[in-house]
């Protein structure tokens, strides 16, 4: 085991010990959330989650799942996608920051403990409403409810209205929801779930808010950026969002230029579908100067990206 691996293991053990010692809390402290998202160097929300700018999230909405997935795989992140969802509005894209929640099967002694924790922290109502109480604009409520469909419905249309009022987004549940018709009436709200069911939530308990969770085959941390489309969901570590967005935007821009030049007969497919010559690169940059309206990123962002890219 090398020095880096040893340090990483020690950090993971210390972090686990921190969560264990602070088991009396429903939500980790801001410093604990910062400890599990060290790659993010930008601003943070009051609860400690990375605050990916809304402007960057809006740009993320124009990117394909495959483009985002490809960048993450190249960075070594192989467990950030989950598919096969029932989507409330499959013609709508949902992007936002993850506010995570972990649910467990009920166990009486733990239910009592969780209730006491909640009372001590000033939380009110049933525990499945507690994550909703702390949502902010741009958040997506992401819950691991272990795939429970019958009696696993985390929300109905009442809670759905509250979620949208706070976040202007929607939900992703590895489980179920009820009141599908009522939820469809909430303009702008979307839901990605594993099923809809008319039953009420029963024999389930909240385990924690803003903790690491598993959503199917994906690993999700609080503050991850989310790209949710009818083809599935990509959970993007906050520190990689800008790279994902700019890389995808550049590829789209490069394709626009290449398609136009192919239609014009300026270059052959063989010239466009391989590493570009210096002459084509210069033509591309001149084309950008002539068509600034086609640039999805700032010129400063593009120049910085091109310096680090092998064409």
C-alpha atoms as a PDB file:
ATOM      1  CA  UNK A   1       0.000   0.000   0.000  1.00  0.00           C
ATOM      2  CA  UNK A   2       1.567   3.315  -1.082  1.00  0.00           C
ATOM      3  CA  UNK A   3       1.608   6.555   0.908  1.00  0.00           C
ATOM      4  CA  UNK A   4      -1.314   8.082  -1.027  1.00  0.00           C
ATOM      5  CA  UNK A   5      -3.466   4.987  -0.544  1.00  0.00           C
ATOM      6  CA  UNK A   6      -2.608   4.889   3.166  1.00  0.00           C
ATOM      7  CA  UNK A   7      -3.556   8.561   3.604  1.00  0.00           C
ATOM      8  CA  UNK A   8      -6.773   8.053   1.681  1.00  0.00           C
ATOM      9  CA  UNK A   9      -7.740   5.045   3.817  1.00  0.00           C
ATOM     10  CA  UNK A  10      -6.925   6.929   7.014  1.00  0.00           C
ATOM     11  CA  UNK A  11      -9.034   9.881   5.850  1.00  0.00           C
ATOM     12  CA  UNK A  12     -11.938   7.565   5.053  1.00  0.00           C
ATOM     13  CA  UNK A  13     -11.667   5.883   8.462  1.00  0.00           C
ATOM     14  CA  UNK A  14     -11.506   9.236  10.248  1.00  0.00           C
ATOM     15  CA  UNK A  15     -14.530  10.437   8.304  1.00  0.00           C
ATOM     16  CA  UNK A  16     -16.476   7.277   9.161  1.00  0.00           C
ATOM     17  CA  UNK A  17     -15.518   7.747  12.798  1.00  0.00           C
ATOM     18  CA  UNK A  18     -16.730  11.346  12.646  1.00  0.00           C
ATOM     19  CA  UNK A  19     -20.124  10.284  11.306  1.00  0.00           C
ATOM     20  CA  UNK A  20     -20.311   7.537  13.965  1.00  0.00           C
ATOM     21  CA  UNK A  21     -19.428   9.903  16.818  1.00  0.00           C
ATOM     22  CA  UNK A  22     -21.989  12.392  15.575  1.00  0.00           C
ATOM     23  CA  UNK A  23     -24.704   9.770  15.105  1.00  0.00           C
ATOM     24  CA  UNK A  24     -27.001  11.864  17.282  1.00  0.00           C
ATOM     25  CA  UNK A  25     -27.462  14.285  14.361  1.00  0.00           C
ATOM     26  CA  UNK A  26     -29.816  13.835  11.396  1.00  0.00           C
ATOM     27  CA  UNK A  27     -27.568  15.906   9.139  1.00  0.00           C
ATOM     28  CA  UNK A  28     -23.743  16.058   9.053  1.00  0.00           C
ATOM     29  CA  UNK A  29     -22.234  19.420   9.927  1.00  0.00           C
ATOM     30  CA  UNK A  30     -21.034  21.762   7.145  1.00  0.00           C
ATOM     31  CA  UNK A  31     -17.424  20.831   7.959  1.00  0.00           C
ATOM     32  CA  UNK A  32     -18.245  17.125   7.637  1.00  0.00           C
ATOM     33  CA  UNK A  33     -19.918  17.670   4.264  1.00  0.00           C
ATOM     34  CA  UNK A  34     -16.914  19.706   3.152  1.00  0.00           C
ATOM     35  CA  UNK A  35     -14.660  16.832   4.192  1.00  0.00           C
ATOM     36  CA  UNK A  36     -16.365  14.413   1.797  1.00  0.00           C
ATOM     37  CA  UNK A  37     -16.391  16.913  -1.110  1.00  0.00           C
ATOM     38  CA  UNK A  38     -12.802  18.213  -0.987  1.00  0.00           C
ATOM     39  CA  UNK A  39     -12.458  18.573  -4.756  1.00  0.00           C
ATOM     40  CA  UNK A  40     -14.835  21.548  -4.811  1.00  0.00           C
ATOM     41  CA  UNK A  41     -12.985  24.840  -4.268  1.00  0.00           C
ATOM     42  CA  UNK A  42     -15.847  27.243  -4.976  1.00  0.00           C
ATOM     43  CA  UNK A  43     -18.555  28.718  -2.729  1.00  0.00           C
ATOM     44  CA  UNK A  44     -20.693  26.507  -0.546  1.00  0.00           C
ATOM     45  CA  UNK A  45     -24.269  26.570   0.691  1.00  0.00           C
ATOM     46  CA  UNK A  46     -24.843  27.229   4.414  1.00  0.00           C
ATOM     47  CA  UNK A  47     -25.203  23.472   5.006  1.00  0.00           C
ATOM     48  CA  UNK A  48     -21.742  22.856   3.513  1.00  0.00           C
ATOM     49  CA  UNK A  49     -22.755  21.475   0.122  1.00  0.00           C
ATOM     50  CA  UNK A  50     -20.918  22.721  -2.982  1.00  0.00           C
ATOM     51  CA  UNK A  51     -22.808  25.638  -4.517  1.00  0.00           C
ATOM     52  CA  UNK A  52     -22.528  24.925  -8.237  1.00  0.00           C
ATOM     53  CA  UNK A  53     -23.717  28.163  -9.938  1.00  0.00           C
ATOM     54  CA  UNK A  54     -27.203  28.085 -11.428  1.00  0.00           C
ATOM     55  CA  UNK A  55     -25.785  29.515 -14.671  1.00  0.00           C
ATOM     56  CA  UNK A  56     -23.560  26.458 -15.030  1.00  0.00           C
ATOM     57  CA  UNK A  57     -26.432  24.127 -14.178  1.00  0.00           C
ATOM     58  CA  UNK A  58     -28.585  25.771 -16.851  1.00  0.00           C
ATOM     59  CA  UNK A  59     -25.854  25.121 -19.420  1.00  0.00           C
ATOM     60  CA  UNK A  60     -25.707  21.506 -18.258  1.00  0.00           C
ATOM     61  CA  UNK A  61     -29.311  21.055 -19.410  1.00  0.00           C
ATOM     62  CA  UNK A  62     -28.207  21.278 -23.062  1.00  0.00           C
ATOM     63  CA  UNK A  63     -25.733  18.401 -22.780  1.00  0.00           C
ATOM     64  CA  UNK A  64     -26.435  14.790 -23.679  1.00  0.00           C
ATOM     65  CA  UNK A  65     -26.163  12.000 -21.123  1.00  0.00           C
ATOM     66  CA  UNK A  66     -23.539  10.317 -23.278  1.00  0.00           C
ATOM     67  CA  UNK A  67     -21.329  13.422 -23.355  1.00  0.00           C
ATOM     68  CA  UNK A  68     -21.471  13.825 -19.582  1.00  0.00           C
ATOM     69  CA  UNK A  69     -20.961  10.099 -19.017  1.00  0.00           C
ATOM     70  CA  UNK A  70     -17.921  10.057 -21.290  1.00  0.00           C
ATOM     71  CA  UNK A  71     -16.131  12.830 -19.418  1.00  0.00           C
ATOM     72  CA  UNK A  72     -16.800  11.207 -16.047  1.00  0.00           C
ATOM     73  CA  UNK A  73     -15.555   7.810 -17.246  1.00  0.00           C
ATOM     74  CA  UNK A  74     -12.359   9.421 -18.491  1.00  0.00           C
ATOM     75  CA  UNK A  75     -11.904  10.964 -15.039  1.00  0.00           C
ATOM     76  CA  UNK A  76     -12.286   7.562 -13.379  1.00  0.00           C
ATOM     77  CA  UNK A  77     -15.896   7.982 -12.201  1.00  0.00           C
ATOM     78  CA  UNK A  78     -17.643   4.798 -13.320  1.00  0.00           C
ATOM     79  CA  UNK A  79     -20.658   4.772 -10.985  1.00  0.00           C
ATOM     80  CA  UNK A  80     -22.549   7.972 -11.729  1.00  0.00           C
ATOM     81  CA  UNK A  81     -25.426   6.792 -13.957  1.00  0.00           C
ATOM     82  CA  UNK A  82     -28.768   5.157 -13.230  1.00  0.00           C
ATOM     83  CA  UNK A  83     -31.456   4.380 -15.821  1.00  0.00           C
ATOM     84  CA  UNK A  84     -34.886   2.742 -16.106  1.00  0.00           C
ATOM     85  CA  UNK A  85     -36.996   5.426 -14.444  1.00  0.00           C
ATOM     86  CA  UNK A  86     -40.675   6.243 -14.494  1.00  0.00           C
ATOM     87  CA  UNK A  87     -40.685   9.958 -15.321  1.00  0.00           C
ATOM     88  CA  UNK A  88     -43.544  12.319 -14.597  1.00  0.00           C
ATOM     89  CA  UNK A  89     -42.690  14.520 -17.618  1.00  0.00           C
ATOM     90  CA  UNK A  90     -40.234  12.690 -19.856  1.00  0.00           C
ATOM     91  CA  UNK A  91     -40.090  15.604 -22.311  1.00  0.00           C
ATOM     92  CA  UNK A  92     -38.563  17.869 -19.643  1.00  0.00           C
ATOM     93  CA  UNK A  93     -34.926  18.014 -18.540  1.00  0.00           C
ATOM     94  CA  UNK A  94     -34.205  18.516 -14.853  1.00  0.00           C
ATOM     95  CA  UNK A  95     -30.915  19.899 -13.563  1.00  0.00           C
ATOM     96  CA  UNK A  96     -29.973  20.949 -10.055  1.00  0.00           C
ATOM     97  CA  UNK A  97     -27.929  20.250  -6.924  1.00  0.00           C
ATOM     98  CA  UNK A  98     -28.469  17.064  -4.931  1.00  0.00           C
ATOM     99  CA  UNK A  99     -29.938  17.250  -1.460  1.00  0.00           C
ATOM    100  CA  UNK A 100     -29.709  13.619  -0.395  1.00  0.00           C
ATOM    101  CA  UNK A 101     -31.761  11.524   2.025  1.00  0.00           C
ATOM    102  CA  UNK A 102     -31.327   7.959   3.201  1.00  0.00           C
ATOM    103  CA  UNK A 103     -34.334   5.819   4.178  1.00  0.00           C
ATOM    104  CA  UNK A 104     -34.366   2.490   5.982  1.00  0.00           C
ATOM    105  CA  UNK A 105     -36.957  -0.159   6.859  1.00  0.00           C
ATOM    106  CA  UNK A 106     -38.551   0.708  10.203  1.00  0.00           C
ATOM    107  CA  UNK A 107     -37.200  -0.705  13.417  1.00  0.00           C
ATOM    108  CA  UNK A 108     -38.969   0.483  16.606  1.00  0.00           C
ATOM    109  CA  UNK A 109     -35.893   1.319  18.684  1.00  0.00           C
ATOM    110  CA  UNK A 110     -34.340   3.276  15.779  1.00  0.00           C
ATOM    111  CA  UNK A 111     -37.619   5.029  14.988  1.00  0.00           C
ATOM    112  CA  UNK A 112     -37.728   6.289  18.572  1.00  0.00           C
ATOM    113  CA  UNK A 113     -34.118   7.424  18.349  1.00  0.00           C
ATOM    114  CA  UNK A 114     -34.700   9.288  15.088  1.00  0.00           C
ATOM    115  CA  UNK A 115     -37.788  11.000  16.528  1.00  0.00           C
ATOM    116  CA  UNK A 116     -35.797  12.139  19.559  1.00  0.00           C
ATOM    117  CA  UNK A 117     -33.028  13.426  17.312  1.00  0.00           C
ATOM    118  CA  UNK A 118     -35.552  15.346  15.260  1.00  0.00           C
ATOM    119  CA  UNK A 119     -37.217  16.855  18.320  1.00  0.00           C
ATOM    120  CA  UNK A 120     -33.841  17.940  19.679  1.00  0.00           C
ATOM    121  CA  UNK A 121     -33.081  19.657  16.374  1.00  0.00           C
ATOM    122  CA  UNK A 122     -36.468  21.385  16.239  1.00  0.00           C
ATOM    123  CA  UNK A 123     -37.849  19.329  13.365  1.00  0.00           C
ATOM    124  CA  UNK A 124     -41.609  18.963  13.065  1.00  0.00           C
ATOM    125  CA  UNK A 125     -44.002  16.530  11.404  1.00  0.00           C
ATOM    126  CA  UNK A 126     -43.219  13.122   9.952  1.00  0.00           C
ATOM    127  CA  UNK A 127     -39.577  12.400   9.134  1.00  0.00           C
ATOM    128  CA  UNK A 128     -40.251  12.127   5.380  1.00  0.00           C
ATOM    129  CA  UNK A 129     -41.010  15.878   5.433  1.00  0.00           C
ATOM    130  CA  UNK A 130     -37.714  16.839   7.084  1.00  0.00           C
ATOM    131  CA  UNK A 131     -35.590  16.833   3.898  1.00  0.00           C
ATOM    132  CA  UNK A 132     -38.229  19.052   2.269  1.00  0.00           C
ATOM    133  CA  UNK A 133     -37.964  21.587   5.088  1.00  0.00           C
ATOM    134  CA  UNK A 134     -34.303  22.288   4.264  1.00  0.00           C
ATOM    135  CA  UNK A 135     -34.556  22.512   0.458  1.00  0.00           C
ATOM    136  CA  UNK A 136     -33.354  25.707  -1.225  1.00  0.00           C
ATOM    137  CA  UNK A 137     -33.666  27.116  -4.734  1.00  0.00           C
ATOM    138  CA  UNK A 138     -31.944  24.870  -7.267  1.00  0.00           C
ATOM    139  CA  UNK A 139     -31.988  21.729  -5.080  1.00  0.00           C
ATOM    140  CA  UNK A 140     -33.272  18.359  -6.238  1.00  0.00           C
ATOM    141  CA  UNK A 141     -34.497  16.058  -3.472  1.00  0.00           C
ATOM    142  CA  UNK A 142     -32.688  12.738  -4.064  1.00  0.00           C
ATOM    143  CA  UNK A 143     -33.655   9.814  -1.836  1.00  0.00           C
ATOM    144  CA  UNK A 144     -32.553   6.222  -1.533  1.00  0.00           C
ATOM    145  CA  UNK A 145     -35.685   4.438  -0.360  1.00  0.00           C
ATOM    146  CA  UNK A 146     -34.207   1.039  -1.265  1.00  0.00           C
ATOM    147  CA  UNK A 147     -36.541   0.441  -4.204  1.00  0.00           C
ATOM    148  CA  UNK A 148     -39.686   0.112  -2.099  1.00  0.00           C
ATOM    149  CA  UNK A 149     -42.831   0.686  -4.197  1.00  0.00           C
ATOM    150  CA  UNK A 150     -45.876  -0.534  -2.224  1.00  0.00           C
ATOM    151  CA  UNK A 151     -46.060   1.436   1.056  1.00  0.00           C
ATOM    152  CA  UNK A 152     -42.890   3.242   0.011  1.00  0.00           C
ATOM    153  CA  UNK A 153     -44.403   6.442  -1.398  1.00  0.00           C
ATOM    154  CA  UNK A 154     -42.274   9.261  -0.018  1.00  0.00           C
ATOM    155  CA  UNK A 155     -44.516  12.083  -1.259  1.00  0.00           C
ATOM    156  CA  UNK A 156     -47.923  12.913  -2.681  1.00  0.00           C
ATOM    157  CA  UNK A 157     -49.142  16.112  -4.263  1.00  0.00           C
ATOM    158  CA  UNK A 158     -49.192  18.090  -0.987  1.00  0.00           C
ATOM    159  CA  UNK A 159     -45.496  17.514  -0.352  1.00  0.00           C
ATOM    160  CA  UNK A 160     -44.859  17.889  -4.080  1.00  0.00           C
ATOM    161  CA  UNK A 161     -46.236  21.425  -3.963  1.00  0.00           C
ATOM    162  CA  UNK A 162     -44.032  22.219  -0.973  1.00  0.00           C
ATOM    163  CA  UNK A 163     -40.954  20.821  -2.729  1.00  0.00           C
ATOM    164  CA  UNK A 164     -41.538  22.931  -5.826  1.00  0.00           C
ATOM    165  CA  UNK A 165     -42.233  26.073  -3.789  1.00  0.00           C
ATOM    166  CA  UNK A 166     -38.844  25.734  -2.083  1.00  0.00           C
ATOM    167  CA  UNK A 167     -36.619  24.392  -4.842  1.00  0.00           C
ATOM    168  CA  UNK A 168     -38.341  25.127  -8.183  1.00  0.00           C
ATOM    169  CA  UNK A 169     -37.215  21.602  -9.134  1.00  0.00           C
ATOM    170  CA  UNK A 170     -38.445  18.111  -8.332  1.00  0.00           C
ATOM    171  CA  UNK A 171     -37.460  14.714  -6.939  1.00  0.00           C
ATOM    172  CA  UNK A 172     -35.463  11.585  -7.688  1.00  0.00           C
ATOM    173  CA  UNK A 173     -36.492   8.592  -5.590  1.00  0.00           C
ATOM    174  CA  UNK A 174     -35.029   5.126  -5.718  1.00  0.00           C
ATOM    175  CA  UNK A 175     -38.469   4.112  -4.579  1.00  0.00           C
ATOM    176  CA  UNK A 176     -41.955   5.443  -5.204  1.00  0.00           C
ATOM    177  CA  UNK A 177     -44.433   8.297  -5.064  1.00  0.00           C
ATOM    178  CA  UNK A 178     -48.216   8.566  -4.941  1.00  0.00           C
ATOM    179  CA  UNK A 179     -50.738  11.064  -6.395  1.00  0.00           C
ATOM    180  CA  UNK A 180     -49.296  10.967  -9.917  1.00  0.00           C
ATOM    181  CA  UNK A 181     -52.188  12.969 -11.367  1.00  0.00           C
ATOM    182  CA  UNK A 182     -51.875  15.632  -8.684  1.00  0.00           C
ATOM    183  CA  UNK A 183     -48.127  15.930  -9.174  1.00  0.00           C
ATOM    184  CA  UNK A 184     -48.605  16.355 -12.935  1.00  0.00           C
ATOM    185  CA  UNK A 185     -50.591  19.525 -12.232  1.00  0.00           C
ATOM    186  CA  UNK A 186     -47.638  21.249 -10.531  1.00  0.00           C
ATOM    187  CA  UNK A 187     -46.241  23.387 -13.356  1.00  0.00           C
ATOM    188  CA  UNK A 188     -42.455  22.964 -13.538  1.00  0.00           C
ATOM    189  CA  UNK A 189     -42.252  20.021 -11.122  1.00  0.00           C
ATOM    190  CA  UNK A 190     -40.772  16.731 -12.268  1.00  0.00           C
ATOM    191  CA  UNK A 191     -40.273  13.334 -10.664  1.00  0.00           C
ATOM    192  CA  UNK A 192     -38.007  10.408 -11.515  1.00  0.00           C
ATOM    193  CA  UNK A 193     -39.107   7.370  -9.513  1.00  0.00           C
ATOM    194  CA  UNK A 194     -39.034   3.604  -9.755  1.00  0.00           C
ATOM    195  CA  UNK A 195     -42.804   3.434  -9.555  1.00  0.00           C
ATOM    196  CA  UNK A 196     -46.071   5.161  -8.658  1.00  0.00           C
ATOM    197  CA  UNK A 197     -48.438   3.561  -6.189  1.00  0.00           C
ATOM    198  CA  UNK A 198     -51.639   4.670  -4.404  1.00  0.00           C
ATOM    199  CA  UNK A 199     -50.478   3.344  -1.010  1.00  0.00           C
ATOM    200  CA  UNK A 200     -49.282   5.474   1.904  1.00  0.00           C
ATOM    201  CA  UNK A 201     -45.767   5.325   3.283  1.00  0.00           C
ATOM    202  CA  UNK A 202     -45.506   2.661   5.984  1.00  0.00           C
ATOM    203  CA  UNK A 203     -42.771   0.844   7.892  1.00  0.00           C
ATOM    204  CA  UNK A 204     -40.040   3.210   6.678  1.00  0.00           C
ATOM    205  CA  UNK A 205     -37.804   5.620   8.544  1.00  0.00           C
ATOM    206  CA  UNK A 206     -35.429   8.432   7.680  1.00  0.00           C
ATOM    207  CA  UNK A 207     -31.796   7.594   8.319  1.00  0.00           C
ATOM    208  CA  UNK A 208     -30.093  10.864   7.436  1.00  0.00           C
ATOM    209  CA  UNK A 209     -30.095  14.022   5.336  1.00  0.00           C
ATOM    210  CA  UNK A 210     -27.164  15.130   3.161  1.00  0.00           C
ATOM    211  CA  UNK A 211     -25.303  11.859   3.599  1.00  0.00           C
ATOM    212  CA  UNK A 212     -23.670   9.758   0.844  1.00  0.00           C
ATOM    213  CA  UNK A 213     -26.276   7.475  -0.753  1.00  0.00           C
ATOM    214  CA  UNK A 214     -26.585   4.823  -3.456  1.00  0.00           C
ATOM    215  CA  UNK A 215     -29.120   5.343  -6.226  1.00  0.00           C
ATOM    216  CA  UNK A 216     -29.187   2.015  -8.058  1.00  0.00           C
ATOM    217  CA  UNK A 217     -25.771   1.657  -9.624  1.00  0.00           C
ATOM    218  CA  UNK A 218     -24.801   5.268  -8.876  1.00  0.00           C
ATOM    219  CA  UNK A 219     -22.990   6.828  -5.918  1.00  0.00           C
ATOM    220  CA  UNK A 220     -24.350  10.254  -4.936  1.00  0.00           C
ATOM    221  CA  UNK A 221     -22.877  12.865  -2.599  1.00  0.00           C
ATOM    222  CA  UNK A 222     -24.656  15.947  -1.273  1.00  0.00           C
ATOM    223  CA  UNK A 223     -24.148  18.828  -3.705  1.00  0.00           C
ATOM    224  CA  UNK A 224     -23.577  16.675  -6.796  1.00  0.00           C
ATOM    225  CA  UNK A 225     -24.911  18.289  -9.961  1.00  0.00           C
ATOM    226  CA  UNK A 226     -27.737  16.329 -11.561  1.00  0.00           C
ATOM    227  CA  UNK A 227     -28.573  15.917 -15.245  1.00  0.00           C
ATOM    228  CA  UNK A 228     -31.890  14.048 -15.470  1.00  0.00           C
ATOM    229  CA  UNK A 229     -33.426  13.180 -18.848  1.00  0.00           C
ATOM    230  CA  UNK A 230     -35.814  10.519 -20.108  1.00  0.00           C
ATOM    231  CA  UNK A 231     -32.806   8.327 -20.933  1.00  0.00           C
ATOM    232  CA  UNK A 232     -31.566   8.317 -17.335  1.00  0.00           C
ATOM    233  CA  UNK A 233     -29.753  10.352 -14.732  1.00  0.00           C
ATOM    234  CA  UNK A 234     -26.108  11.388 -14.414  1.00  0.00           C
ATOM    235  CA  UNK A 235     -24.845  12.479 -10.977  1.00  0.00           C
ATOM    236  CA  UNK A 236     -21.827  14.738 -11.529  1.00  0.00           C
ATOM    237  CA  UNK A 237     -19.297  15.493  -8.768  1.00  0.00           C
ATOM    238  CA  UNK A 238     -19.393  19.253  -8.210  1.00  0.00           C
ATOM    239  CA  UNK A 239     -15.721  19.772  -9.027  1.00  0.00           C
ATOM    240  CA  UNK A 240     -16.186  18.200 -12.482  1.00  0.00           C
ATOM    241  CA  UNK A 241     -19.302  20.089 -13.612  1.00  0.00           C
ATOM    242  CA  UNK A 242     -17.429  22.858 -15.409  1.00  0.00           C
ATOM    243  CA  UNK A 243     -15.226  20.333 -17.229  1.00  0.00           C
ATOM    244  CA  UNK A 244     -18.270  18.303 -18.294  1.00  0.00           C
ATOM    245  CA  UNK A 245     -20.105  21.395 -19.557  1.00  0.00           C
ATOM    246  CA  UNK A 246     -17.248  23.040 -21.450  1.00  0.00           C
ATOM    247  CA  UNK A 247     -16.046  19.773 -22.981  1.00  0.00           C
ATOM    248  CA  UNK A 248     -19.536  19.008 -24.289  1.00  0.00           C
ATOM    249  CA  UNK A 249     -20.058  22.574 -25.508  1.00  0.00           C
ATOM    250  CA  UNK A 250     -16.746  22.474 -27.368  1.00  0.00           C
ATOM    251  CA  UNK A 251     -17.582  19.190 -29.076  1.00  0.00           C
ATOM    252  CA  UNK A 252     -20.932  20.615 -30.192  1.00  0.00           C
ATOM    253  CA  UNK A 253     -19.212  23.750 -31.488  1.00  0.00           C
ATOM    254  CA  UNK A 254     -16.557  21.708 -33.284  1.00  0.00           C
ATOM    255  CA  UNK A 255     -19.293  19.611 -34.905  1.00  0.00           C
ATOM    256  CA  UNK A 256     -21.161  22.706 -36.109  1.00  0.00           C
ATOM    257  CA  UNK A 257     -18.029  23.975 -37.811  1.00  0.00           C
ATOM    258  CA  UNK A 258     -17.140  20.578 -39.248  1.00  0.00           C
ATOM    259  CA  UNK A 259     -20.646  19.951 -40.621  1.00  0.00           C
ATOM    260  CA  UNK A 260     -20.746  23.360 -42.257  1.00  0.00           C
ATOM    261  CA  UNK A 261     -17.363  22.932 -43.920  1.00  0.00           C
ATOM    262  CA  UNK A 262     -18.327  19.435 -45.126  1.00  0.00           C
ATOM    263  CA  UNK A 263     -21.538  20.788 -46.677  1.00  0.00           C
ATOM    264  CA  UNK A 264     -19.508  23.521 -48.353  1.00  0.00           C
ATOM    265  CA  UNK A 265     -17.002  20.985 -49.659  1.00  0.00           C
ATOM    266  CA  UNK A 266     -14.093  22.810 -48.024  1.00  0.00           C
ATOM    267  CA  UNK A 267     -12.699  19.654 -46.393  1.00  0.00           C
ATOM    268  CA  UNK A 268     -13.106  15.931 -46.841  1.00  0.00           C
ATOM    269  CA  UNK A 269     -14.595  13.677 -44.139  1.00  0.00           C
ATOM    270  CA  UNK A 270     -11.135  12.233 -43.608  1.00  0.00           C
ATOM    271  CA  UNK A 271      -9.769  15.679 -42.756  1.00  0.00           C
ATOM    272  CA  UNK A 272     -12.575  16.476 -40.319  1.00  0.00           C
ATOM    273  CA  UNK A 273     -12.800  13.061 -38.626  1.00  0.00           C
ATOM    274  CA  UNK A 274      -9.171  12.981 -37.556  1.00  0.00           C
ATOM    275  CA  UNK A 275      -6.844  15.283 -35.627  1.00  0.00           C
ATOM    276  CA  UNK A 276      -7.110  18.659 -37.299  1.00  0.00           C
ATOM    277  CA  UNK A 277      -4.232  20.260 -39.139  1.00  0.00           C
ATOM    278  CA  UNK A 278      -2.966  23.688 -38.113  1.00  0.00           C
ATOM    279  CA  UNK A 279      -4.771  25.153 -41.128  1.00  0.00           C
ATOM    280  CA  UNK A 280      -8.147  23.715 -40.038  1.00  0.00           C
ATOM    281  CA  UNK A 281      -7.570  24.903 -36.468  1.00  0.00           C
ATOM    282  CA  UNK A 282      -6.897  28.423 -37.718  1.00  0.00           C
ATOM    283  CA  UNK A 283     -10.002  28.264 -39.907  1.00  0.00           C
ATOM    284  CA  UNK A 284     -12.061  27.128 -36.920  1.00  0.00           C
ATOM    285  CA  UNK A 285     -10.872  30.027 -34.748  1.00  0.00           C
ATOM    286  CA  UNK A 286     -11.586  32.482 -37.553  1.00  0.00           C
ATOM    287  CA  UNK A 287     -15.064  30.960 -37.944  1.00  0.00           C
ATOM    288  CA  UNK A 288     -15.699  31.540 -34.238  1.00  0.00           C
ATOM    289  CA  UNK A 289     -14.655  35.197 -34.594  1.00  0.00           C
ATOM    290  CA  UNK A 290     -17.111  35.533 -37.468  1.00  0.00           C
ATOM    291  CA  UNK A 291     -19.927  33.748 -35.588  1.00  0.00           C
ATOM    292  CA  UNK A 292     -19.749  34.855 -31.927  1.00  0.00           C
ATOM    293  CA  UNK A 293     -23.448  34.060 -31.477  1.00  0.00           C
ATOM    294  CA  UNK A 294     -22.650  30.353 -31.856  1.00  0.00           C
ATOM    295  CA  UNK A 295     -20.306  30.379 -28.851  1.00  0.00           C
ATOM    296  CA  UNK A 296     -22.072  28.710 -25.853  1.00  0.00           C
ATOM    297  CA  UNK A 297     -19.262  29.587 -23.429  1.00  0.00           C
ATOM    298  CA  UNK A 298     -17.244  32.764 -22.944  1.00  0.00           C
ATOM    299  CA  UNK A 299     -14.225  33.309 -25.173  1.00  0.00           C
ATOM    300  CA  UNK A 300     -12.050  33.261 -22.050  1.00  0.00           C
ATOM    301  CA  UNK A 301     -13.388  29.810 -21.154  1.00  0.00           C
ATOM    302  CA  UNK A 302     -12.812  28.578 -24.704  1.00  0.00           C
ATOM    303  CA  UNK A 303      -9.232  29.881 -24.841  1.00  0.00           C
ATOM    304  CA  UNK A 304      -8.414  28.257 -21.496  1.00  0.00           C
ATOM    305  CA  UNK A 305      -9.948  24.988 -22.652  1.00  0.00           C
ATOM    306  CA  UNK A 306      -8.035  24.995 -25.947  1.00  0.00           C
ATOM    307  CA  UNK A 307      -4.708  25.533 -24.155  1.00  0.00           C
ATOM    308  CA  UNK A 308      -5.221  22.313 -22.228  1.00  0.00           C
ATOM    309  CA  UNK A 309      -6.697  20.292 -25.108  1.00  0.00           C
ATOM    310  CA  UNK A 310      -4.958  18.152 -27.704  1.00  0.00           C
ATOM    311  CA  UNK A 311      -6.976  18.747 -30.870  1.00  0.00           C
END
